[in-house]
Protein backbone atom coordinates (compact mmCIF):
# COMPACT_ATOMS: atom_id res chain seq x y z
CA UNK A 1 -3.97 22.75 13.02
CA UNK A 2 -0.52 24.11 12.52
CA UNK A 3 1.80 22.82 15.35
CA UNK A 4 0.31 19.05 13.83
CA UNK A 5 1.13 19.71 10.61
CA UNK A 6 4.35 22.06 10.77
CA UNK A 7 6.71 20.36 13.25
CA UNK A 8 9.12 19.88 12.25
CA UNK A 9 9.99 22.78 10.59
CA UNK A 10 8.57 23.08 6.35
CA UNK A 11 11.06 24.97 3.84
CA UNK A 12 9.79 26.97 1.25
CA UNK A 13 12.52 26.45 -1.58
CA UNK A 14 11.87 22.32 -0.76
CA UNK A 15 8.08 22.90 -1.00
CA UNK A 16 8.38 24.66 -4.09
CA UNK A 17 10.58 21.59 -5.25
CA UNK A 18 8.49 19.20 -4.32
CA UNK A 19 5.30 20.75 -6.18
CA UNK A 20 7.38 20.88 -9.31
CA UNK A 21 8.66 17.60 -9.62
CA UNK A 22 5.36 15.41 -8.54
CA UNK A 23 3.93 18.16 -11.29
CA UNK A 24 6.42 16.25 -13.72
CA UNK A 25 5.51 13.25 -12.60
CA UNK A 26 1.98 13.43 -13.28
CA UNK A 27 2.09 15.66 -16.25
CA UNK A 28 1.36 12.73 -18.87
CA UNK A 29 -1.88 12.18 -16.83
CA UNK A 30 -3.19 15.78 -18.02
CA UNK A 31 -7.18 16.26 -18.02
CA UNK A 32 -8.08 12.63 -17.96
CA UNK A 33 -10.66 12.17 -15.55
CA UNK A 34 -10.03 9.58 -12.22
CA UNK A 35 -12.36 8.57 -9.83
CA UNK A 36 -10.48 9.32 -6.50
CA UNK A 37 -11.42 6.81 -3.96
CA UNK A 38 -11.19 7.16 0.16
CA UNK A 39 -10.03 4.49 1.66
CA UNK A 40 -12.00 0.88 1.95
CA UNK A 41 -14.70 2.85 -0.48
CA UNK A 42 -15.90 1.00 -3.68
CA UNK A 43 -15.71 3.10 -6.92
CA UNK A 44 -18.76 4.03 -8.21
CA UNK A 45 -18.00 4.56 -12.08
CA UNK A 46 -16.19 3.26 -14.92
CA UNK A 47 -13.53 5.49 -15.04
CA UNK A 48 -9.58 4.79 -13.61
CA UNK A 49 -10.00 4.87 -10.01
CA UNK A 50 -7.43 6.27 -8.01
CA UNK A 51 -6.82 5.12 -4.30
CA UNK A 52 -5.87 7.65 -1.58
CA UNK A 53 -4.08 8.20 -0.04
CA UNK A 54 -1.25 8.65 -1.82
CA UNK A 55 2.00 11.05 -0.76
CA UNK A 56 5.00 12.84 -2.08
CA UNK A 57 7.59 13.87 -0.34
CA UNK A 58 10.81 16.07 -0.98
CA UNK A 59 13.36 16.22 1.93
CA UNK A 60 10.83 18.82 4.48
CA UNK A 61 7.54 19.00 2.31
CA UNK A 62 5.29 16.31 2.01
CA UNK A 63 2.51 16.72 -1.51
CA UNK A 64 -0.40 14.46 -0.26
CA UNK A 65 -3.44 13.37 -2.00
CA UNK A 66 -6.16 12.49 0.36
CA UNK A 67 -9.94 12.62 0.77
CA UNK A 68 -11.54 14.41 3.15
CA UNK A 69 -13.76 11.32 4.03
CA UNK A 70 -10.89 9.83 5.45
CA UNK A 71 -9.59 12.65 8.38
CA UNK A 72 -11.44 13.76 11.03
CA UNK A 73 -13.16 17.08 10.77
CA UNK A 74 -10.75 18.91 13.54
CA UNK A 75 -7.49 18.11 11.51
CA UNK A 76 -8.98 20.19 8.47
CA UNK A 77 -10.48 23.21 11.18
CA UNK A 78 -13.60 22.21 9.98
CA UNK A 79 -17.11 21.71 12.27
CA UNK A 80 -17.21 18.36 13.58
CA UNK A 81 -20.73 17.59 11.21
CA UNK A 82 -18.84 18.48 8.11
CA UNK A 83 -19.15 15.02 5.99
CA UNK A 84 -17.18 14.68 2.49
CA UNK A 85 -18.40 11.50 0.02
CA UNK A 86 -15.73 8.93 0.07
CA UNK A 87 -15.17 9.14 -3.97
CA UNK A 88 -15.01 11.75 -6.33
CA UNK A 89 -14.06 12.73 -10.32
CA UNK A 90 -10.80 15.11 -10.77
CA UNK A 91 -8.29 15.00 -12.62
CA UNK A 92 -4.19 15.39 -11.95
CA UNK A 93 -4.47 18.80 -13.85
CA UNK A 94 -7.16 20.04 -11.24
CA UNK A 95 -4.62 18.77 -8.31
CA UNK A 96 -1.74 20.51 -10.16
CA UNK A 97 -3.31 23.78 -10.11
CA UNK A 98 -4.39 22.69 -6.52
CA UNK A 99 -1.21 22.34 -5.26
CA UNK A 100 0.17 25.42 -7.14
CA UNK A 101 -3.04 27.27 -4.95
CA UNK A 102 -2.01 25.51 -1.72
CA UNK A 103 1.97 26.80 -2.44
CA UNK A 104 0.97 30.08 -2.92
CA UNK A 105 -2.34 30.74 -0.46
CA UNK A 106 0.17 28.75 2.51
CA UNK A 107 3.09 27.67 1.83
CA UNK A 108 4.38 31.39 0.33
CA UNK A 109 2.05 33.64 2.56
CA UNK A 110 4.06 36.26 4.44
CA UNK A 111 5.66 34.95 7.33
CA UNK A 112 6.58 31.53 8.33
CA UNK A 113 5.74 28.88 5.16
CA UNK A 114 2.65 26.95 6.31
CA UNK A 115 0.86 23.95 5.15
CA UNK A 116 -2.76 23.58 3.91
CA UNK A 117 -5.02 21.96 1.54
CA UNK A 118 -7.28 22.67 -1.27
CA UNK A 119 -10.36 20.22 -2.50
CA UNK A 120 -11.20 19.78 -5.91
CA UNK A 121 -14.15 17.99 -7.51
CA UNK A 122 -17.40 17.85 -8.33
CA UNK A 123 -18.07 17.70 -4.46
CA UNK A 124 -15.10 18.94 -3.23
CA UNK A 125 -14.45 15.62 -1.79
CA UNK A 126 -10.39 15.42 -3.14
CA UNK A 127 -7.59 17.23 -0.94
CA UNK A 128 -4.46 17.94 -2.21
CA UNK A 129 -2.44 18.60 0.89
CA UNK A 130 0.95 20.12 1.90
CA UNK A 131 2.37 19.69 5.10
CA UNK A 132 5.78 18.68 6.87
CA UNK A 133 7.48 15.43 6.35
CA UNK A 134 7.64 13.76 9.56
CA UNK A 135 4.71 15.97 11.13
CA UNK A 136 1.70 14.48 13.56
CA UNK A 137 -0.25 14.79 10.35
CA UNK A 138 2.24 13.16 7.61
CA UNK A 139 2.64 10.01 10.31
CA UNK A 140 -1.29 9.99 10.81
CA UNK A 141 -1.79 9.83 7.04
CA UNK A 142 -0.73 6.12 5.59
CA UNK A 143 -0.78 5.49 2.23
CA UNK A 144 1.28 4.31 -0.92
CA UNK A 145 4.59 6.91 -0.52
CA UNK A 146 6.79 8.15 -3.76
CA UNK A 147 9.84 9.85 -1.91
CA UNK A 148 12.33 12.30 -4.05
CA UNK A 149 16.14 12.10 -1.98
CA UNK A 150 18.58 13.13 -4.55
CA UNK A 151 17.04 11.19 -6.92
CA UNK A 152 13.33 11.13 -8.53
CA UNK A 153 11.66 7.70 -8.49
CA UNK A 154 9.81 6.81 -11.23
CA UNK A 155 6.76 5.42 -10.02
CA UNK A 156 4.50 5.29 -13.29
CA UNK A 157 1.11 4.07 -13.03
CA UNK A 158 1.57 3.50 -9.13
CA UNK A 159 -2.20 3.48 -7.22
CA UNK A 160 -4.10 3.25 -10.33
CA UNK A 161 -6.56 0.51 -11.18
CA UNK A 162 -8.12 0.71 -14.87
CA UNK A 163 -11.10 -1.70 -15.28
CA UNK A 164 -11.83 -0.65 -18.75
């Protein structure tokens, strides 16, 4: 997992900035529940849908919301028979806590910064990932991308569908 997530190098200060900027982008969404959907998975509730994957890149660091359902278990260092549902309910507040956990437990861990992931949702089927921008994992996961360079790109509401 490490090579496919970490080449090129992940910079600690850039990941701290990425999480801070992404958190500001989703702040207004708060604790409102959303139904997160894997690729080609229909919604099951009347909640607002959030299609995945969604990636937020800042220099060497990419933060991604990905349903583990869409990934090979070997990409996650899980047994081959691991399965996740294609839909789950969570809030962006939960995702912000997950981003801080990955930052603390993986990126800021002793030694070289490492990528990692944290699952949330009622079934633990929504994943918050951090990996190196341009890494094999970054190239493998295609989805809506929010990129931040010298300016914060405001893309409020992108990727959301409200059926209420």
